[in-house]
Amino acid sequence: MKKLIYSIDLLVCMTSLTYAQEAESIAKSNGKVELVQSKTTGVYQFSFATDRTAESVEKAASYYTSNFTVDFDEASNTATINLVENDVTSRTVIARFLAVNQVKFIEIDGMNVEMYVFIESYLK
């Protein structure tokens, strides 16, 4: 009986750790409508689920200056991406920037979407 209780406790603890790690890998969009408009305007906005420093975001953005610029608001933990040239290549490089920031999922209207689905549906 003790083994069963310890096993259940271990399972619950491991599950909580998994969810805690997942929160770090989520960036929230302003929704499907905004993402569709962003394809036209070339301006994307993402809020990170966990705190990022301006230095870490700026360092990640520094690799992609030929594709876009990033304005990061540390108070709201929000990155605004402005494309230099609004084309498919520049839009898909946004996924690299998000990956450098450990983002694996994009929250769109309350649903977490995997990065490859986000790229195919909203960047290409």
N, C-alpha and C. Protein backbone atom coordinates (compact mmCIF):
# COMPACT_ATOMS: atom_id res chain seq x y z
N MET A 1 0.82 -1.20 0.00
CA MET A 1 0.00 0.00 0.00
C MET A 1 0.87 1.27 0.00
N LYS A 2 1.96 1.23 0.80
CA LYS A 2 2.84 2.39 0.84
C LYS A 2 3.47 2.63 -0.53
N LYS A 3 3.83 1.55 -1.21
CA LYS A 3 4.43 1.69 -2.54
C LYS A 3 3.45 2.35 -3.51
N LEU A 4 2.20 1.99 -3.40
CA LEU A 4 1.18 2.58 -4.26
C LEU A 4 1.05 4.08 -4.00
N ILE A 5 1.01 4.47 -2.75
CA ILE A 5 0.89 5.89 -2.39
C ILE A 5 2.12 6.66 -2.86
N TYR A 6 3.31 6.10 -2.64
CA TYR A 6 4.53 6.76 -3.11
C TYR A 6 4.57 6.87 -4.63
N SER A 7 4.09 5.84 -5.29
CA SER A 7 4.05 5.87 -6.75
C SER A 7 3.12 6.97 -7.26
N ILE A 8 1.96 7.09 -6.63
CA ILE A 8 1.01 8.13 -7.02
C ILE A 8 1.60 9.51 -6.75
N ASP A 9 2.23 9.68 -5.59
CA ASP A 9 2.87 10.97 -5.27
C ASP A 9 3.95 11.31 -6.30
N LEU A 10 4.74 10.34 -6.66
CA LEU A 10 5.80 10.56 -7.64
C LEU A 10 5.21 10.94 -8.99
N LEU A 11 4.16 10.27 -9.39
CA LEU A 11 3.50 10.57 -10.65
C LEU A 11 2.93 11.99 -10.67
N VAL A 12 2.29 12.40 -9.58
CA VAL A 12 1.75 13.75 -9.48
C VAL A 12 2.86 14.79 -9.54
N CYS A 13 3.96 14.55 -8.84
CA CYS A 13 5.09 15.50 -8.84
C CYS A 13 5.70 15.61 -10.23
N MET A 14 5.89 14.51 -10.90
CA MET A 14 6.48 14.53 -12.24
C MET A 14 5.55 15.25 -13.23
N THR A 15 4.26 15.04 -13.09
CA THR A 15 3.30 15.72 -13.96
C THR A 15 3.34 17.22 -13.75
N SER A 16 3.43 17.65 -12.48
CA SER A 16 3.50 19.10 -12.22
C SER A 16 4.78 19.69 -12.78
N LEU A 17 5.88 18.99 -12.70
CA LEU A 17 7.13 19.49 -13.27
C LEU A 17 7.02 19.62 -14.78
N THR A 18 6.37 18.67 -15.42
CA THR A 18 6.20 18.72 -16.87
C THR A 18 5.40 19.95 -17.26
N TYR A 19 4.30 20.23 -16.58
CA TYR A 19 3.49 21.40 -16.90
C TYR A 19 4.24 22.69 -16.61
N ALA A 20 5.03 22.72 -15.56
CA ALA A 20 5.80 23.92 -15.22
C ALA A 20 6.82 24.22 -16.31
N GLN A 21 7.44 23.18 -16.85
CA GLN A 21 8.42 23.38 -17.92
C GLN A 21 7.71 23.81 -19.20
N GLU A 22 6.53 23.34 -19.43
CA GLU A 22 5.81 23.67 -20.65
C GLU A 22 5.42 25.15 -20.69
N ALA A 23 5.11 25.73 -19.55
CA ALA A 23 4.72 27.14 -19.52
C ALA A 23 5.84 28.02 -20.06
N GLU A 24 7.07 27.64 -19.81
CA GLU A 24 8.22 28.41 -20.30
C GLU A 24 8.31 28.38 -21.81
N SER A 25 7.75 27.36 -22.42
CA SER A 25 7.90 27.19 -23.87
C SER A 25 6.69 27.70 -24.67
N ILE A 26 5.89 28.57 -24.05
CA ILE A 26 4.70 29.09 -24.73
C ILE A 26 4.83 30.60 -24.94
N ALA A 27 4.51 31.03 -26.14
CA ALA A 27 4.38 32.46 -26.44
C ALA A 27 2.94 32.70 -26.86
N LYS A 28 2.34 33.73 -26.32
CA LYS A 28 0.93 34.01 -26.60
C LYS A 28 0.82 35.04 -27.73
N SER A 29 -0.02 34.73 -28.71
CA SER A 29 -0.29 35.68 -29.78
C SER A 29 -1.53 36.49 -29.40
N ASN A 30 -1.85 37.49 -30.22
CA ASN A 30 -3.07 38.27 -29.98
C ASN A 30 -4.28 37.65 -30.67
N GLY A 31 -4.13 36.43 -31.16
CA GLY A 31 -5.26 35.72 -31.74
C GLY A 31 -5.13 35.52 -33.24
N LYS A 32 -6.01 34.69 -33.73
CA LYS A 32 -6.01 34.30 -35.15
C LYS A 32 -6.19 35.49 -36.08
N VAL A 33 -7.12 36.37 -35.74
CA VAL A 33 -7.40 37.53 -36.59
C VAL A 33 -6.15 38.41 -36.71
N GLU A 34 -5.50 38.66 -35.59
CA GLU A 34 -4.29 39.49 -35.60
C GLU A 34 -3.18 38.84 -36.41
N LEU A 35 -3.04 37.52 -36.29
CA LEU A 35 -1.99 36.82 -37.05
C LEU A 35 -2.23 36.90 -38.55
N VAL A 36 -3.49 36.82 -38.97
CA VAL A 36 -3.81 36.95 -40.39
C VAL A 36 -3.49 38.36 -40.86
N GLN A 37 -3.82 39.36 -40.06
CA GLN A 37 -3.50 40.75 -40.40
C GLN A 37 -1.99 40.98 -40.43
N SER A 38 -1.27 40.32 -39.54
CA SER A 38 0.18 40.48 -39.46
C SER A 38 0.87 40.02 -40.74
N LYS A 39 0.29 39.06 -41.42
CA LYS A 39 0.85 38.61 -42.69
C LYS A 39 0.87 39.74 -43.70
N THR A 40 -0.09 40.64 -43.60
CA THR A 40 -0.17 41.78 -44.51
C THR A 40 0.66 42.96 -44.01
N THR A 41 0.55 43.25 -42.71
CA THR A 41 1.23 44.43 -42.16
C THR A 41 2.72 44.19 -41.90
N GLY A 42 3.11 42.94 -41.63
CA GLY A 42 4.51 42.66 -41.31
C GLY A 42 4.88 42.96 -39.88
N VAL A 43 3.88 43.12 -39.02
CA VAL A 43 4.12 43.39 -37.60
C VAL A 43 3.47 42.29 -36.78
N TYR A 44 4.28 41.59 -35.99
CA TYR A 44 3.80 40.50 -35.15
C TYR A 44 4.06 40.85 -33.69
N GLN A 45 3.19 40.37 -32.81
CA GLN A 45 3.37 40.63 -31.39
C GLN A 45 3.16 39.34 -30.61
N PHE A 46 4.11 39.04 -29.71
CA PHE A 46 4.04 37.84 -28.89
C PHE A 46 4.35 38.19 -27.44
N SER A 47 3.58 37.60 -26.53
CA SER A 47 3.84 37.75 -25.10
C SER A 47 4.38 36.42 -24.60
N PHE A 48 5.52 36.48 -23.93
CA PHE A 48 6.12 35.27 -23.39
C PHE A 48 5.42 34.89 -22.10
N ALA A 49 5.22 33.59 -21.89
CA ALA A 49 4.49 33.11 -20.71
C ALA A 49 5.31 33.30 -19.43
N THR A 50 6.63 33.26 -19.56
CA THR A 50 7.49 33.46 -18.40
C THR A 50 8.40 34.65 -18.66
N ASP A 51 8.95 35.19 -17.59
CA ASP A 51 9.77 36.39 -17.71
C ASP A 51 11.00 36.16 -18.57
N ARG A 52 11.27 37.13 -19.42
CA ARG A 52 12.50 37.18 -20.22
C ARG A 52 13.17 38.50 -19.89
N THR A 53 14.46 38.55 -20.05
CA THR A 53 15.16 39.82 -19.86
C THR A 53 15.30 40.50 -21.21
N ALA A 54 15.37 41.81 -21.18
CA ALA A 54 15.54 42.56 -22.42
C ALA A 54 16.85 42.15 -23.09
N GLU A 55 17.87 41.89 -22.30
CA GLU A 55 19.16 41.49 -22.86
C GLU A 55 19.07 40.18 -23.63
N SER A 56 18.37 39.20 -23.07
CA SER A 56 18.29 37.89 -23.74
C SER A 56 17.49 37.99 -25.03
N VAL A 57 16.42 38.77 -25.03
CA VAL A 57 15.59 38.92 -26.23
C VAL A 57 16.37 39.71 -27.29
N GLU A 58 17.03 40.78 -26.87
CA GLU A 58 17.82 41.58 -27.81
C GLU A 58 18.97 40.76 -28.41
N LYS A 59 19.59 39.93 -27.60
CA LYS A 59 20.67 39.08 -28.11
C LYS A 59 20.14 38.11 -29.16
N ALA A 60 18.99 37.49 -28.87
CA ALA A 60 18.38 36.57 -29.84
C ALA A 60 18.00 37.31 -31.11
N ALA A 61 17.48 38.51 -30.98
CA ALA A 61 17.05 39.30 -32.13
C ALA A 61 18.24 39.78 -32.97
N SER A 62 19.39 39.93 -32.35
CA SER A 62 20.56 40.46 -33.05
C SER A 62 21.02 39.56 -34.19
N TYR A 63 20.66 38.30 -34.17
CA TYR A 63 21.04 37.37 -35.23
C TYR A 63 20.19 37.54 -36.50
N TYR A 64 19.08 38.23 -36.39
CA TYR A 64 18.11 38.29 -37.48
C TYR A 64 17.81 39.71 -37.96
N THR A 65 18.73 40.63 -37.76
CA THR A 65 18.49 42.03 -38.10
C THR A 65 18.24 42.27 -39.58
N SER A 66 18.72 41.38 -40.44
CA SER A 66 18.44 41.55 -41.87
C SER A 66 17.00 41.18 -42.21
N ASN A 67 16.33 40.47 -41.30
CA ASN A 67 14.95 40.05 -41.54
C ASN A 67 13.92 40.88 -40.78
N PHE A 68 14.24 41.26 -39.53
CA PHE A 68 13.29 42.02 -38.72
C PHE A 68 13.97 42.70 -37.55
N THR A 69 13.24 43.63 -36.96
CA THR A 69 13.66 44.27 -35.71
C THR A 69 12.68 43.85 -34.63
N VAL A 70 13.16 43.86 -33.38
CA VAL A 70 12.32 43.46 -32.26
C VAL A 70 12.33 44.55 -31.21
N ASP A 71 11.15 44.99 -30.81
CA ASP A 71 10.99 45.90 -29.69
C ASP A 71 10.43 45.08 -28.54
N PHE A 72 11.16 45.05 -27.42
CA PHE A 72 10.74 44.22 -26.29
C PHE A 72 10.36 45.10 -25.11
N ASP A 73 9.15 44.90 -24.61
CA ASP A 73 8.67 45.60 -23.43
C ASP A 73 8.78 44.65 -22.24
N GLU A 74 9.78 44.91 -21.40
CA GLU A 74 10.05 44.01 -20.28
C GLU A 74 8.92 44.01 -19.26
N ALA A 75 8.23 45.13 -19.11
CA ALA A 75 7.13 45.21 -18.13
C ALA A 75 6.00 44.26 -18.48
N SER A 76 5.64 44.20 -19.76
CA SER A 76 4.54 43.31 -20.18
C SER A 76 5.05 41.99 -20.74
N ASN A 77 6.38 41.87 -20.86
CA ASN A 77 7.00 40.64 -21.39
C ASN A 77 6.56 40.37 -22.83
N THR A 78 6.43 41.46 -23.61
CA THR A 78 5.90 41.37 -24.97
C THR A 78 6.94 41.81 -25.98
N ALA A 79 7.09 41.01 -27.03
CA ALA A 79 7.99 41.33 -28.13
C ALA A 79 7.17 41.71 -29.36
N THR A 80 7.49 42.86 -29.95
CA THR A 80 6.86 43.29 -31.19
C THR A 80 7.88 43.16 -32.30
N ILE A 81 7.56 42.37 -33.30
CA ILE A 81 8.48 42.08 -34.40
C ILE A 81 8.02 42.85 -35.63
N ASN A 82 8.93 43.65 -36.19
CA ASN A 82 8.66 44.43 -37.39
C ASN A 82 9.53 43.89 -38.52
N LEU A 83 8.90 43.32 -39.53
CA LEU A 83 9.66 42.76 -40.65
C LEU A 83 10.31 43.86 -41.49
N VAL A 84 11.56 43.63 -41.89
CA VAL A 84 12.24 44.55 -42.79
C VAL A 84 11.62 44.44 -44.17
N GLU A 85 11.45 43.21 -44.62
CA GLU A 85 10.78 42.94 -45.89
C GLU A 85 9.73 41.87 -45.63
N ASN A 86 8.50 42.15 -45.94
CA ASN A 86 7.41 41.23 -45.64
C ASN A 86 7.31 40.15 -46.71
N ASP A 87 8.13 39.10 -46.54
CA ASP A 87 8.09 37.96 -47.45
C ASP A 87 8.10 36.67 -46.63
N VAL A 88 7.88 35.56 -47.31
CA VAL A 88 7.78 34.26 -46.63
C VAL A 88 9.05 33.94 -45.85
N THR A 89 10.20 34.20 -46.43
CA THR A 89 11.47 33.89 -45.76
C THR A 89 11.59 34.65 -44.45
N SER A 90 11.35 35.94 -44.49
CA SER A 90 11.44 36.75 -43.27
C SER A 90 10.42 36.30 -42.22
N ARG A 91 9.22 35.96 -42.67
CA ARG A 91 8.19 35.51 -41.72
C ARG A 91 8.58 34.19 -41.07
N THR A 92 9.15 33.26 -41.84
CA THR A 92 9.52 31.97 -41.23
C THR A 92 10.72 32.09 -40.31
N VAL A 93 11.55 33.11 -40.51
CA VAL A 93 12.69 33.33 -39.61
C VAL A 93 12.19 33.72 -38.21
N ILE A 94 10.98 34.24 -38.12
CA ILE A 94 10.38 34.54 -36.82
C ILE A 94 10.36 33.28 -35.96
N ALA A 95 10.10 32.14 -36.57
CA ALA A 95 10.08 30.87 -35.83
C ALA A 95 11.45 30.57 -35.23
N ARG A 96 12.52 30.90 -35.93
CA ARG A 96 13.87 30.71 -35.38
C ARG A 96 14.08 31.59 -34.16
N PHE A 97 13.66 32.84 -34.28
CA PHE A 97 13.79 33.76 -33.14
C PHE A 97 13.03 33.22 -31.93
N LEU A 98 11.82 32.74 -32.14
CA LEU A 98 11.04 32.19 -31.03
C LEU A 98 11.71 30.94 -30.46
N ALA A 99 12.28 30.11 -31.33
CA ALA A 99 12.96 28.90 -30.86
C ALA A 99 14.19 29.24 -30.01
N VAL A 100 14.92 30.27 -30.41
CA VAL A 100 16.07 30.71 -29.61
C VAL A 100 15.62 31.13 -28.22
N ASN A 101 14.40 31.63 -28.12
CA ASN A 101 13.82 32.01 -26.83
C ASN A 101 13.09 30.84 -26.16
N GLN A 102 13.39 29.62 -26.56
CA GLN A 102 12.84 28.38 -25.99
C GLN A 102 11.34 28.23 -26.16
N VAL A 103 10.77 28.87 -27.17
CA VAL A 103 9.34 28.75 -27.42
C VAL A 103 9.10 27.54 -28.32
N LYS A 104 8.19 26.67 -27.89
CA LYS A 104 7.83 25.48 -28.68
C LYS A 104 6.37 25.52 -29.12
N PHE A 105 5.57 26.33 -28.42
CA PHE A 105 4.14 26.42 -28.71
C PHE A 105 3.72 27.89 -28.79
N ILE A 106 2.77 28.17 -29.67
CA ILE A 106 2.18 29.50 -29.77
C ILE A 106 0.73 29.37 -29.32
N GLU A 107 0.34 30.18 -28.35
CA GLU A 107 -1.05 30.17 -27.91
C GLU A 107 -1.86 31.08 -28.82
N ILE A 108 -2.84 30.49 -29.49
CA ILE A 108 -3.71 31.22 -30.40
C ILE A 108 -5.15 31.02 -29.95
N ASP A 109 -5.78 32.08 -29.52
CA ASP A 109 -7.16 32.03 -29.04
C ASP A 109 -7.38 30.92 -28.01
N GLY A 110 -6.45 30.81 -27.06
CA GLY A 110 -6.59 29.85 -25.97
C GLY A 110 -6.10 28.45 -26.27
N MET A 111 -5.66 28.17 -27.49
CA MET A 111 -5.17 26.84 -27.83
C MET A 111 -3.67 26.90 -28.13
N ASN A 112 -2.92 25.93 -27.59
CA ASN A 112 -1.49 25.87 -27.86
C ASN A 112 -1.25 25.13 -29.17
N VAL A 113 -0.56 25.81 -30.09
CA VAL A 113 -0.28 25.26 -31.41
C VAL A 113 1.22 24.99 -31.51
N GLU A 114 1.58 23.81 -32.00
CA GLU A 114 2.99 23.49 -32.15
C GLU A 114 3.62 24.39 -33.21
N MET A 115 4.93 24.57 -33.09
CA MET A 115 5.63 25.52 -33.95
C MET A 115 5.46 25.20 -35.44
N TYR A 116 5.57 23.94 -35.83
CA TYR A 116 5.46 23.62 -37.26
C TYR A 116 4.07 23.95 -37.81
N VAL A 117 3.03 23.79 -36.99
CA VAL A 117 1.67 24.13 -37.41
C VAL A 117 1.55 25.65 -37.53
N PHE A 118 2.14 26.37 -36.58
CA PHE A 118 2.13 27.83 -36.61
C PHE A 118 2.82 28.34 -37.88
N ILE A 119 3.96 27.76 -38.22
CA ILE A 119 4.69 28.18 -39.42
C ILE A 119 3.84 27.96 -40.66
N GLU A 120 3.29 26.77 -40.80
CA GLU A 120 2.50 26.44 -42.01
C GLU A 120 1.21 27.26 -42.10
N SER A 121 0.56 27.50 -40.97
CA SER A 121 -0.74 28.16 -40.99
C SER A 121 -0.67 29.68 -40.98
N TYR A 122 0.34 30.25 -40.33
CA TYR A 122 0.33 31.70 -40.13
C TYR A 122 1.55 32.46 -40.64
N LEU A 123 2.59 31.75 -41.06
CA LEU A 123 3.77 32.45 -41.54
C LEU A 123 4.01 32.28 -43.03
N LYS A 124 3.57 31.18 -43.59
CA LYS A 124 3.81 30.94 -45.02
C LYS A 124 2.69 31.49 -45.87
